[in-house]
Amino acid sequence: MRLIFSMVVALLLACKSGGNSSGSNEVLRDTIFLPSDPIHDTIYLMDIKKSDSLKRVNDALAHRLLATELTLNQARYYVKITIKNPSQTKFLKGWLRRVLDL
């Protein structure tokens, strides 16, 4: 990115210096050196990728945690029904199977 920027600046300065017909003794530079550190640029990009990856992992874990919590709450609900009314115990196995299949 810095290389592209420095090339554009150099091109603009070269175009501007080519049209200098004022006759002044002004020295125009056609190249500007911009120090660049490709190692730090790469590390910065890697940090961005890591943070995106961690965000995706955390989102996925949060989704799985929510799904597990909802499954447990639904199973608890069916167990409470069978505790209150023992005649419903015969349906508990089917209810729990249905909850775990979702």
Protein backbone atom coordinates (compact mmCIF):
# COMPACT_ATOMS: atom_id res chain seq x y z
CA MET A 1 0.00 0.00 0.00
CA ARG A 2 2.81 2.38 0.87
CA LEU A 3 4.62 1.43 -2.30
CA ILE A 4 1.60 2.33 -4.40
CA PHE A 5 1.20 5.60 -2.55
CA SER A 6 4.86 6.52 -3.07
CA MET A 7 4.60 5.68 -6.78
CA VAL A 8 1.53 7.91 -7.16
CA VAL A 9 3.26 10.77 -5.34
CA ALA A 10 6.37 10.33 -7.49
CA LEU A 11 4.25 10.32 -10.64
CA LEU A 12 2.43 13.47 -9.61
CA LEU A 13 5.67 15.24 -8.78
CA ALA A 14 7.21 14.14 -12.07
CA CYS A 15 4.25 15.54 -13.98
CA LYS A 16 4.41 18.78 -12.06
CA SER A 17 8.16 19.22 -12.54
CA GLY A 18 7.86 18.59 -16.27
CA GLY A 19 5.65 21.66 -16.70
CA ASN A 20 7.98 23.97 -14.78
CA SER A 21 8.79 26.74 -17.26
CA SER A 22 8.89 29.64 -14.82
CA GLY A 23 12.69 29.79 -15.01
CA SER A 24 13.23 29.77 -11.25
CA ASN A 25 16.22 28.02 -9.72
CA GLU A 26 13.95 25.93 -7.56
CA VAL A 27 15.10 22.33 -7.13
CA LEU A 28 12.31 19.82 -7.53
CA ARG A 29 12.62 16.28 -6.36
CA ASP A 30 11.11 13.67 -8.60
CA THR A 31 11.43 10.87 -6.05
CA ILE A 32 10.33 10.84 -2.45
CA PHE A 33 11.50 8.05 -0.19
CA LEU A 34 8.89 6.80 2.24
CA PRO A 35 10.30 4.35 4.75
CA SER A 36 8.35 1.12 4.77
CA ASP A 37 8.50 -1.81 7.13
CA PRO A 38 6.93 -4.81 5.39
CA ILE A 39 7.39 -7.02 8.47
CA HIS A 40 5.23 -4.80 10.66
CA ASP A 41 2.66 -4.43 7.88
CA THR A 42 2.42 -8.22 7.61
CA ILE A 43 2.13 -8.61 11.39
CA TYR A 44 -0.66 -6.02 11.44
CA LEU A 45 -2.55 -7.95 8.74
CA MET A 46 -2.05 -11.19 10.65
CA ASP A 47 -3.48 -9.57 13.80
CA ILE A 48 -6.56 -8.47 11.86
CA LYS A 49 -7.04 -12.01 10.52
CA LYS A 50 -6.60 -13.47 14.02
CA SER A 51 -9.17 -11.14 15.53
CA ASP A 52 -11.65 -12.02 12.77
CA SER A 53 -11.01 -15.72 13.31
CA LEU A 54 -11.39 -15.41 17.08
CA LYS A 55 -14.63 -13.50 16.62
CA ARG A 56 -16.00 -16.28 14.39
CA VAL A 57 -14.95 -18.95 16.90
CA ASN A 58 -16.49 -17.02 19.80
CA ASP A 59 -19.70 -16.50 17.84
CA ALA A 60 -19.86 -20.21 17.01
CA LEU A 61 -19.22 -21.16 20.63
CA ALA A 62 -21.88 -18.75 21.85
CA HIS A 63 -24.35 -20.22 19.36
CA ARG A 64 -23.59 -23.78 20.47
CA LEU A 65 -23.83 -22.78 24.13
CA LEU A 66 -27.24 -21.18 23.55
CA ALA A 67 -28.50 -24.24 21.67
CA THR A 68 -27.31 -26.54 24.48
CA GLU A 69 -28.91 -24.34 27.12
CA LEU A 70 -32.24 -24.33 25.28
CA THR A 71 -32.10 -28.11 24.90
CA LEU A 72 -31.48 -28.55 28.63
CA ASN A 73 -34.30 -26.17 29.54
CA GLN A 74 -36.72 -28.06 27.31
CA ALA A 75 -35.64 -31.40 28.83
CA ARG A 76 -36.08 -29.96 32.34
CA TYR A 77 -39.56 -28.81 31.40
CA TYR A 78 -40.56 -32.33 30.32
CA VAL A 79 -39.07 -33.86 33.48
CA LYS A 80 -41.07 -31.38 35.61
CA ILE A 81 -44.23 -32.45 33.79
CA THR A 82 -43.58 -36.08 34.64
CA ILE A 83 -42.78 -35.20 38.28
CA LYS A 84 -46.07 -33.31 38.65
CA ASN A 85 -48.09 -35.97 36.83
CA PRO A 86 -46.50 -39.45 36.99
CA SER A 87 -48.99 -40.78 34.44
CA GLN A 88 -47.05 -38.82 31.79
CA THR A 89 -43.87 -40.83 32.42
CA LYS A 90 -44.67 -43.11 29.50
CA PHE A 91 -44.23 -40.11 27.13
CA LEU A 92 -40.97 -38.88 28.66
CA LYS A 93 -38.72 -41.12 26.56
CA GLY A 94 -40.27 -39.84 23.30
CA TRP A 95 -40.14 -36.20 24.44
CA LEU A 96 -36.47 -36.45 25.38
CA ARG A 97 -35.63 -38.23 22.12
CA ARG A 98 -37.35 -35.42 20.20
CA VAL A 99 -35.48 -32.78 22.21
CA LEU A 100 -32.11 -34.41 21.55
CA ASP A 101 -32.80 -34.83 17.82
CA LEU A 102 -33.22 -31.08 17.31
